[in-house]
N, C-alpha and C. Protein backbone atom coordinates (compact mmCIF):
# COMPACT_ATOMS: atom_id res chain seq x y z
N UNK A 1 69.80 53.15 58.88
CA UNK A 1 69.18 53.55 59.96
C UNK A 1 69.92 53.21 61.34
N UNK A 2 70.15 51.89 61.43
CA UNK A 2 70.68 51.56 62.63
C UNK A 2 72.26 52.07 62.88
N UNK A 3 73.02 52.30 61.88
CA UNK A 3 74.09 52.76 61.99
C UNK A 3 74.09 54.45 62.45
N UNK A 4 73.15 54.99 62.06
CA UNK A 4 72.90 56.47 62.51
C UNK A 4 72.52 56.30 63.97
N UNK A 5 71.50 55.43 64.47
CA UNK A 5 71.19 55.51 65.79
C UNK A 5 72.19 55.03 66.63
N UNK A 6 73.12 54.12 66.12
CA UNK A 6 74.11 53.53 66.92
C UNK A 6 75.42 54.93 67.11
N UNK A 7 75.54 55.65 65.73
CA UNK A 7 76.49 56.87 66.03
C UNK A 7 75.73 57.94 66.95
N UNK A 8 74.72 58.17 67.00
CA UNK A 8 74.18 58.95 67.94
C UNK A 8 74.15 58.67 69.59
N UNK A 9 73.92 57.33 69.56
CA UNK A 9 74.19 56.78 70.91
C UNK A 9 75.45 56.94 71.31
N UNK A 10 76.50 56.61 70.62
CA UNK A 10 77.74 56.82 70.72
C UNK A 10 78.28 58.14 71.07
N UNK A 11 77.76 59.11 70.19
CA UNK A 11 78.10 60.54 70.43
C UNK A 11 77.64 61.04 71.70
N UNK A 12 76.08 60.55 71.88
CA UNK A 12 75.65 61.00 73.26
C UNK A 12 76.50 60.51 74.54
N UNK A 13 76.68 59.14 74.53
CA UNK A 13 77.67 58.61 75.45
C UNK A 13 79.01 59.34 75.70
N UNK A 14 79.72 59.62 74.73
CA UNK A 14 80.70 60.25 74.51
C UNK A 14 80.74 61.81 75.27
N UNK A 15 79.78 62.47 74.68
CA UNK A 15 79.56 63.77 75.24
C UNK A 15 79.21 64.06 76.64
N UNK A 16 78.43 63.09 77.21
CA UNK A 16 78.04 62.74 78.61
C UNK A 16 79.16 62.47 79.45
N UNK A 17 79.97 61.63 78.94
CA UNK A 17 81.18 61.24 79.58
C UNK A 17 82.06 62.59 79.67
N UNK A 18 82.34 63.04 78.61
CA UNK A 18 83.42 64.29 78.73
C UNK A 18 82.83 65.42 79.72
N UNK A 19 81.36 65.64 79.72
CA UNK A 19 80.84 66.62 80.54
C UNK A 19 81.01 66.20 81.91
N UNK A 20 80.89 64.82 82.36
CA UNK A 20 80.99 64.29 83.75
C UNK A 20 82.57 64.38 84.15
N UNK A 21 83.53 64.21 83.43
CA UNK A 21 84.83 64.15 83.59
C UNK A 21 85.42 65.68 83.83
N UNK A 22 84.79 66.59 82.96
CA UNK A 22 85.09 68.07 83.12
C UNK A 22 84.45 68.40 84.50
N UNK A 23 83.22 67.93 84.82
CA UNK A 23 82.57 68.60 86.04
C UNK A 23 83.39 67.92 87.37
N UNK A 24 84.01 66.75 87.16
CA UNK A 24 84.60 66.02 88.27
C UNK A 24 85.79 66.93 88.47
N UNK A 25 86.51 67.27 87.33
CA UNK A 25 87.81 67.89 87.48
C UNK A 25 87.71 69.26 87.99
N UNK A 26 86.48 69.81 87.85
CA UNK A 26 86.37 71.17 88.31
C UNK A 26 85.50 71.56 89.46
N UNK A 27 84.83 70.54 90.16
CA UNK A 27 83.96 70.82 91.11
C UNK A 27 84.66 70.95 92.56
N UNK A 28 86.03 70.66 92.65
CA UNK A 28 86.59 70.28 93.87
C UNK A 28 86.80 71.77 94.61
N UNK A 29 86.84 71.61 95.93
CA UNK A 29 87.47 72.76 96.58
C UNK A 29 88.62 73.32 96.19
N UNK A 30 89.07 74.43 95.97
CA UNK A 30 90.15 75.12 95.72
C UNK A 30 91.27 75.21 96.61
N UNK A 31 90.99 75.01 97.94
CA UNK A 31 92.12 74.96 98.84
C UNK A 31 91.86 73.91 100.12
N UNK A 32 93.00 73.68 100.71
CA UNK A 32 92.81 72.92 102.11
C UNK A 32 93.46 73.51 103.07
N UNK A 33 93.00 73.05 104.41
CA UNK A 33 93.87 73.65 105.49
C UNK A 33 94.94 72.74 105.64
N UNK A 34 96.13 73.37 105.89
CA UNK A 34 97.52 72.89 106.18
C UNK A 34 97.97 73.51 107.56
N UNK A 35 98.97 72.86 108.33
CA UNK A 35 99.27 73.32 109.37
C UNK A 35 99.83 74.87 109.66
N UNK A 36 100.23 75.40 108.52
CA UNK A 36 100.80 76.73 108.35
C UNK A 36 99.69 77.75 107.87
N UNK A 37 98.61 77.11 107.45
CA UNK A 37 97.65 78.03 106.74
C UNK A 37 96.66 77.35 105.96
N UNK A 38 97.01 77.50 104.39
CA UNK A 38 96.10 77.00 103.46
C UNK A 38 96.91 76.79 102.15
N UNK A 39 96.73 75.55 101.66
CA UNK A 39 97.23 75.01 100.33
C UNK A 39 96.28 75.44 99.18
N UNK A 40 96.38 76.42 98.20
CA UNK A 40 95.43 76.52 97.36
C UNK A 40 95.98 76.02 95.99
N UNK A 41 95.04 75.40 95.26
CA UNK A 41 95.60 74.86 93.67
C UNK A 41 94.32 75.40 92.76
N UNK A 42 94.76 76.54 91.97
CA UNK A 42 93.83 77.08 91.10
C UNK A 42 93.99 76.55 89.85
N UNK A 43 93.03 76.49 88.98
CA UNK A 43 93.01 75.72 87.73
C UNK A 43 92.57 76.64 86.66
N UNK A 44 93.00 76.16 85.38
CA UNK A 44 92.86 77.05 84.07
C UNK A 44 91.55 77.80 84.11
N UNK A 45 91.79 79.01 83.88
CA UNK A 45 90.44 80.19 83.82
C UNK A 45 90.24 80.69 85.11
N UNK A 46 90.77 80.19 86.21
CA UNK A 46 90.45 80.94 87.59
C UNK A 46 91.10 82.15 87.53
N UNK A 47 90.58 83.18 88.18
CA UNK A 47 91.10 84.50 88.55
C UNK A 47 91.73 84.51 89.82
N UNK A 48 92.92 84.59 89.82
CA UNK A 48 93.68 84.56 90.99
C UNK A 48 93.45 85.40 91.98
N UNK A 49 93.31 86.78 91.75
CA UNK A 49 93.10 87.89 92.89
C UNK A 49 91.62 87.52 93.32
N UNK A 50 90.76 87.16 92.63
CA UNK A 50 89.29 86.86 93.07
C UNK A 50 89.36 85.59 94.06
N UNK A 51 90.03 84.56 93.65
CA UNK A 51 90.09 83.37 94.52
C UNK A 51 90.69 83.65 95.68
N UNK A 52 91.89 84.56 95.68
CA UNK A 52 92.67 84.77 96.98
C UNK A 52 91.67 85.65 97.95
N UNK A 53 90.99 86.71 97.36
CA UNK A 53 90.22 87.47 98.12
C UNK A 53 89.05 86.53 98.89
N UNK A 54 88.28 85.61 97.90
CA UNK A 54 87.34 84.80 98.61
C UNK A 54 87.75 83.95 99.65
N UNK A 55 89.06 83.53 99.53
CA UNK A 55 89.88 82.69 100.62
C UNK A 55 89.76 83.59 101.88
N UNK A 56 90.38 84.66 101.63
CA UNK A 56 90.42 85.49 102.91
C UNK A 56 89.20 86.03 103.63
N UNK A 57 88.18 86.15 102.72
CA UNK A 57 86.91 86.39 103.50
C UNK A 57 86.31 85.24 104.05
N UNK A 58 86.20 84.28 103.32
CA UNK A 58 85.72 82.80 103.75
C UNK A 58 86.21 82.32 105.13
N UNK A 59 87.80 82.34 105.25
CA UNK A 59 88.44 81.71 106.26
C UNK A 59 88.91 82.90 107.33
N UNK A 60 88.37 84.07 107.06
CA UNK A 60 88.75 85.16 107.80
C UNK A 60 90.21 85.38 108.40
N UNK A 61 90.94 85.37 107.25
CA UNK A 61 92.44 85.22 107.37
C UNK A 61 92.97 86.74 107.76
N UNK A 62 93.59 86.93 109.02
CA UNK A 62 93.98 88.07 109.56
C UNK A 62 95.06 88.82 108.60
N UNK A 63 96.07 88.02 108.17
CA UNK A 63 96.93 88.53 107.23
C UNK A 63 97.66 87.15 107.12
N UNK A 64 98.60 87.35 105.93
CA UNK A 64 99.27 86.18 105.43
C UNK A 64 100.34 86.47 104.44
N UNK A 65 101.22 85.48 104.34
CA UNK A 65 102.43 85.58 103.29
C UNK A 65 101.93 84.53 102.08
N UNK A 66 102.00 84.96 100.83
CA UNK A 66 101.89 84.02 99.78
C UNK A 66 103.24 83.66 99.13
N UNK A 67 103.03 82.30 98.62
CA UNK A 67 104.17 81.79 97.66
C UNK A 67 103.59 80.69 96.72
N UNK A 68 103.99 80.88 95.51
CA UNK A 68 103.42 80.02 94.59
C UNK A 68 104.35 79.95 93.30
N UNK A 69 103.73 78.75 92.46
CA UNK A 69 104.33 78.54 91.24
C UNK A 69 103.30 77.87 90.44
N UNK A 70 103.39 78.25 89.14
CA UNK A 70 102.36 77.63 87.91
C UNK A 70 102.46 78.39 86.56
N UNK A 71 101.20 78.38 86.01
CA UNK A 71 101.21 78.99 84.76
C UNK A 71 100.06 80.24 84.79
N UNK A 72 100.43 81.22 84.11
CA UNK A 72 99.46 82.54 84.33
C UNK A 72 99.46 83.34 83.12
N UNK A 73 98.38 83.97 82.73
CA UNK A 73 98.37 85.04 81.88
C UNK A 73 98.39 86.21 83.01
N UNK A 74 99.13 87.22 82.76
CA UNK A 74 99.29 88.15 83.59
C UNK A 74 99.28 89.68 83.06
N UNK A 75 98.98 90.49 84.18
CA UNK A 75 99.10 91.93 83.84
C UNK A 75 100.10 92.43 84.99
N UNK A 76 101.33 92.87 84.40
CA UNK A 76 102.17 93.31 85.37
C UNK A 76 102.33 94.68 85.36
N UNK A 77 102.75 95.27 86.49
CA UNK A 77 102.94 96.71 86.58
C UNK A 77 104.11 97.06 87.25
N UNK A 78 104.80 98.05 86.68
CA UNK A 78 106.06 98.82 87.36
C UNK A 78 105.61 100.15 87.78
N UNK A 79 105.84 100.41 89.09
CA UNK A 79 105.29 101.67 89.77
C UNK A 79 106.28 102.79 89.19
N UNK A 80 105.69 103.75 88.48
CA UNK A 80 106.30 105.18 88.16
C UNK A 80 106.32 106.06 89.57
N UNK A 81 107.14 106.35 90.14
CA UNK A 81 107.07 107.07 91.37
C UNK A 81 106.85 108.52 91.20
N UNK A 82 107.37 109.26 89.91
CA UNK A 82 106.88 110.50 89.72
C UNK A 82 105.36 110.64 89.29
N UNK A 83 104.92 109.71 88.41
CA UNK A 83 103.32 109.79 88.10
C UNK A 83 102.63 109.11 89.03
N UNK A 84 103.05 108.46 90.03
CA UNK A 84 102.29 107.78 91.22
C UNK A 84 101.36 106.69 90.38
N UNK A 85 101.65 105.95 89.61
CA UNK A 85 101.13 105.12 88.90
C UNK A 85 101.90 103.99 88.11
N UNK A 86 101.10 102.80 87.78
CA UNK A 86 101.77 101.77 87.23
C UNK A 86 101.88 101.94 85.67
N UNK A 87 102.93 101.40 85.37
CA UNK A 87 103.17 101.22 83.81
C UNK A 87 102.75 99.89 83.60
N UNK A 88 101.87 99.56 82.78
CA UNK A 88 101.45 98.04 82.70
C UNK A 88 101.78 97.34 81.57
N UNK A 89 101.95 96.08 81.47
CA UNK A 89 102.28 94.99 80.48
C UNK A 89 101.52 93.80 80.68
N UNK A 90 100.69 93.42 79.74
CA UNK A 90 100.14 92.12 79.72
C UNK A 90 100.93 91.17 78.97
N UNK A 91 100.89 90.03 79.71
CA UNK A 91 101.61 89.06 79.01
C UNK A 91 100.80 87.59 79.24
N UNK A 92 100.97 86.80 78.17
CA UNK A 92 100.10 85.45 78.20
C UNK A 92 101.17 84.18 78.33
N UNK A 93 100.51 83.13 78.96
CA UNK A 93 101.41 81.87 79.02
C UNK A 93 102.66 82.10 79.57
N UNK A 94 102.77 82.60 80.81
CA UNK A 94 104.14 82.58 81.53
C UNK A 94 104.06 81.44 82.45
N UNK A 95 105.14 80.78 82.61
CA UNK A 95 105.68 79.84 83.77
C UNK A 95 106.23 80.67 84.84
N UNK A 96 105.44 80.61 85.92
CA UNK A 96 106.00 81.50 87.12
C UNK A 96 106.77 80.59 87.85
N UNK A 97 107.95 81.18 88.08
CA UNK A 97 109.07 80.65 88.88
C UNK A 97 109.23 81.33 90.14
N UNK A 98 108.45 82.28 90.26
CA UNK A 98 108.17 83.00 91.64
C UNK A 98 106.91 83.75 91.48
N UNK A 99 106.26 83.50 92.57
CA UNK A 99 105.06 84.27 92.85
C UNK A 99 104.91 84.29 94.46
N UNK A 100 104.99 85.64 94.82
CA UNK A 100 105.22 86.06 96.19
C UNK A 100 104.31 87.27 96.54
N UNK A 101 103.82 87.19 97.85
CA UNK A 101 102.82 88.50 98.12
C UNK A 101 102.40 88.46 99.55
N UNK A 102 101.43 89.33 99.70
CA UNK A 102 100.89 89.12 101.10
C UNK A 102 99.36 89.48 101.05
N UNK A 103 98.66 89.10 102.21
CA UNK A 103 97.29 89.51 102.26
C UNK A 103 97.19 90.43 103.66
N UNK A 104 96.50 91.16 103.31
CA UNK A 104 96.29 92.40 104.72
C UNK A 104 94.89 92.75 104.30
N UNK A 105 94.45 93.89 105.07
CA UNK A 105 93.05 94.46 104.89
C UNK A 105 93.25 96.11 104.69
N UNK A 106 92.27 96.55 103.99
CA UNK A 106 92.04 97.78 103.69
C UNK A 106 90.61 98.32 103.53
N UNK A 107 90.18 99.30 104.25
CA UNK A 107 88.77 99.53 104.05
C UNK A 107 87.82 98.33 104.14
N UNK A 108 88.16 97.36 104.91
CA UNK A 108 87.24 96.44 105.33
C UNK A 108 87.32 95.08 104.45
N UNK A 109 88.25 95.12 103.32
CA UNK A 109 88.28 94.22 102.33
C UNK A 109 89.73 93.66 102.30
N UNK A 110 89.90 92.40 101.92
CA UNK A 110 91.32 91.82 101.49
C UNK A 110 91.91 92.73 100.67
N UNK A 111 93.27 93.10 100.89
CA UNK A 111 94.24 93.81 100.13
C UNK A 111 95.37 92.98 99.78
N UNK A 112 95.54 92.79 98.43
CA UNK A 112 96.59 91.64 98.14
C UNK A 112 97.62 92.74 97.41
N UNK A 113 98.94 92.28 97.53
CA UNK A 113 100.19 92.76 97.12
C UNK A 113 101.04 91.59 96.84
N UNK A 114 101.16 91.30 95.32
CA UNK A 114 101.72 90.27 94.80
C UNK A 114 102.76 90.72 93.81
N UNK A 115 103.80 90.19 93.72
CA UNK A 115 104.75 90.30 92.78
C UNK A 115 105.24 88.77 92.24
N UNK A 116 105.68 88.84 90.88
CA UNK A 116 106.19 87.48 90.41
C UNK A 116 107.09 87.73 89.20
N UNK A 117 107.75 86.56 88.96
CA UNK A 117 108.67 86.54 87.87
C UNK A 117 108.32 85.19 87.08
N UNK A 118 108.16 85.40 85.90
CA UNK A 118 107.64 84.37 85.01
C UNK A 118 108.41 84.38 83.60
N UNK A 119 108.56 83.27 82.88
CA UNK A 119 109.15 83.11 81.67
C UNK A 119 108.29 82.52 80.51
N UNK A 120 108.55 83.19 79.26
CA UNK A 120 107.87 82.64 78.31
C UNK A 120 108.38 81.32 77.55
N UNK A 121 107.86 80.85 76.45
CA UNK A 121 108.35 79.85 75.93
C UNK A 121 109.74 79.80 75.23
N UNK A 122 110.13 81.15 75.14
CA UNK A 122 111.50 81.29 74.77
C UNK A 122 112.41 81.57 75.96
N UNK A 123 111.97 81.18 77.11
CA UNK A 123 112.73 81.51 78.26
C UNK A 123 113.21 82.88 78.61
N UNK A 124 112.50 83.92 77.99
CA UNK A 124 112.47 85.24 78.51
C UNK A 124 111.62 85.44 79.56
N UNK A 125 112.39 86.04 80.71
CA UNK A 125 111.82 86.27 82.06
C UNK A 125 111.30 87.66 82.16
N UNK A 126 110.22 87.98 82.78
CA UNK A 126 109.45 89.02 82.83
C UNK A 126 109.19 89.12 84.39
N UNK A 127 108.90 90.25 84.90
CA UNK A 127 108.64 90.34 86.41
C UNK A 127 108.04 91.66 86.88
N UNK A 128 107.39 91.62 88.11
CA UNK A 128 107.07 92.88 88.49
C UNK A 128 105.83 92.99 89.48
N UNK A 129 105.09 93.72 89.77
CA UNK A 129 103.93 93.92 90.59
C UNK A 129 102.84 93.36 89.76
N UNK A 130 102.06 92.18 90.26
CA UNK A 130 101.08 91.68 89.44
C UNK A 130 99.78 92.56 89.89
N UNK A 131 99.20 93.01 88.73
CA UNK A 131 97.85 93.86 88.66
C UNK A 131 96.83 92.77 88.60
N UNK A 132 96.98 91.82 87.85
CA UNK A 132 95.76 91.02 87.45
C UNK A 132 96.53 89.55 87.08
N UNK A 133 95.82 88.43 87.22
CA UNK A 133 96.26 87.02 86.73
C UNK A 133 95.07 86.12 86.80
N UNK A 134 95.22 85.49 85.61
CA UNK A 134 94.43 84.15 85.18
C UNK A 134 95.26 83.03 85.11
N UNK A 135 94.82 81.93 85.66
CA UNK A 135 95.61 80.58 85.45
C UNK A 135 95.51 80.44 83.97
N UNK A 136 96.54 80.19 83.16
CA UNK A 136 96.57 79.53 81.88
C UNK A 136 96.61 77.92 81.85
N UNK A 137 97.44 77.53 81.04
CA UNK A 137 97.77 76.09 81.09
C UNK A 137 97.93 75.36 82.32
N UNK A 138 97.44 74.36 82.77
CA UNK A 138 97.76 73.86 83.92
C UNK A 138 97.07 74.41 85.20
N UNK A 139 97.93 74.63 86.11
CA UNK A 139 97.40 75.06 87.51
C UNK A 139 98.38 76.25 88.17
N UNK A 140 98.01 76.69 89.18
CA UNK A 140 98.74 77.60 90.15
C UNK A 140 98.67 77.22 91.43
N UNK A 141 99.61 76.81 92.19
CA UNK A 141 99.81 76.35 93.47
C UNK A 141 100.25 77.48 94.36
N UNK A 142 99.52 77.91 95.51
CA UNK A 142 99.60 78.85 96.36
C UNK A 142 99.44 78.38 97.74
N UNK A 143 100.93 78.59 98.52
CA UNK A 143 100.72 78.26 99.74
C UNK A 143 100.50 79.61 100.61
N UNK A 144 99.43 79.64 101.34
CA UNK A 144 99.06 80.91 102.06
C UNK A 144 99.49 80.76 103.65
N UNK A 145 100.60 81.23 104.19
CA UNK A 145 101.07 81.17 105.41
C UNK A 145 100.42 82.26 106.20
N UNK A 146 99.60 81.73 107.27
CA UNK A 146 98.64 82.74 107.90
C UNK A 146 99.30 83.41 109.22
N UNK A 147 99.21 84.55 109.48
CA UNK A 147 99.61 85.30 110.57
C UNK A 147 98.55 85.52 111.58
N UNK A 148 98.90 85.58 112.82
CA UNK A 148 97.83 85.88 113.87
C UNK A 148 97.32 87.15 113.79
N UNK A 149 98.06 88.29 113.68
CA UNK A 149 97.37 89.56 113.72
C UNK A 149 96.70 90.15 112.44
N UNK A 150 95.92 90.91 112.46
CA UNK A 150 95.06 91.32 111.37
C UNK A 150 96.09 92.62 110.95
N UNK A 151 96.55 92.64 109.70
CA UNK A 151 97.29 93.82 109.31
C UNK A 151 96.66 94.70 108.37
N UNK A 152 96.80 95.95 108.32
CA UNK A 152 96.13 96.83 107.40
C UNK A 152 97.07 97.27 106.41
N UNK A 153 96.63 97.78 105.13
CA UNK A 153 97.43 98.56 104.20
C UNK A 153 96.67 100.03 104.41
N UNK A 154 97.54 101.05 104.07
CA UNK A 154 97.03 102.33 103.97
C UNK A 154 97.70 103.11 102.93
N UNK A 155 97.07 103.78 102.32
CA UNK A 155 97.65 104.78 101.03
C UNK A 155 98.45 105.80 101.85
N UNK A 156 99.74 106.10 101.46
CA UNK A 156 100.51 106.98 101.92
C UNK A 156 100.69 108.03 100.58
N UNK A 157 99.97 109.00 100.80
CA UNK A 157 99.89 109.97 99.75
C UNK A 157 101.28 110.49 99.40
N UNK A 158 102.36 110.71 100.26
CA UNK A 158 103.52 111.00 99.76
C UNK A 158 104.25 110.32 98.45
N UNK A 159 103.87 108.98 98.83
CA UNK A 159 104.28 108.26 97.68
C UNK A 159 103.37 107.67 96.53
N UNK A 160 102.23 107.91 96.87
CA UNK A 160 100.95 107.41 96.16
C UNK A 160 100.80 105.88 96.00
N UNK A 161 101.09 105.17 97.13
CA UNK A 161 101.07 103.53 97.16
C UNK A 161 100.35 103.19 98.38
N UNK A 162 99.92 102.04 98.30
CA UNK A 162 99.32 101.50 99.49
C UNK A 162 100.52 100.68 100.37
N UNK A 163 100.64 101.01 101.52
CA UNK A 163 101.91 100.32 102.23
C UNK A 163 101.35 99.66 103.56
N UNK A 164 101.81 98.41 103.72
CA UNK A 164 101.60 97.62 104.85
C UNK A 164 101.83 98.37 106.05
N UNK A 165 100.88 98.43 107.09
CA UNK A 165 101.04 98.98 108.46
C UNK A 165 101.54 97.85 109.39
N UNK A 166 102.30 98.04 110.30
CA UNK A 166 102.58 96.82 111.21
C UNK A 166 102.00 96.80 112.45
N UNK A 167 101.06 97.55 112.72
CA UNK A 167 100.37 97.76 113.97
C UNK A 167 98.99 96.85 113.63
N UNK A 168 98.91 95.75 114.59
CA UNK A 168 97.84 94.78 114.73
C UNK A 168 96.42 95.30 114.91
N UNK A 169 95.34 94.97 114.27
CA UNK A 169 94.12 95.13 114.75
C UNK A 169 93.42 94.06 115.33
């Protein structure tokens, strides 16, 4: 009986300790202010687009340039100009050697335009327009370089795509 109680106590302590360490690893803020804007570190399971949109709203970022690296599950798109739509490809566990884009505004909401190049475990590289991304193993580090003027994106019907406008608002 004592052995069972001892094992239950050890199991309880172990579970509580694991829960505390998981909480401690996951409760921190995902970004800090730096001289050029913000440094964001996203963790496994974080939705990249959602996190960037929340940052833009919370900090009222007028417009910004993004650059980063890390590990992602991605949904890439290649724009078919004739169909005015993206051809999509989903890929898991890519190590992103390049993650670059911008933040602007469209219809009162943050508008993200992000491209990337990532490689799988066989060192095969894939790239294109990111339509969605979730942090896979490890993390994703993003430098958000903020610009002063608020830039807008506008859909240009002739090409069927949103285009960054250079007039400040």
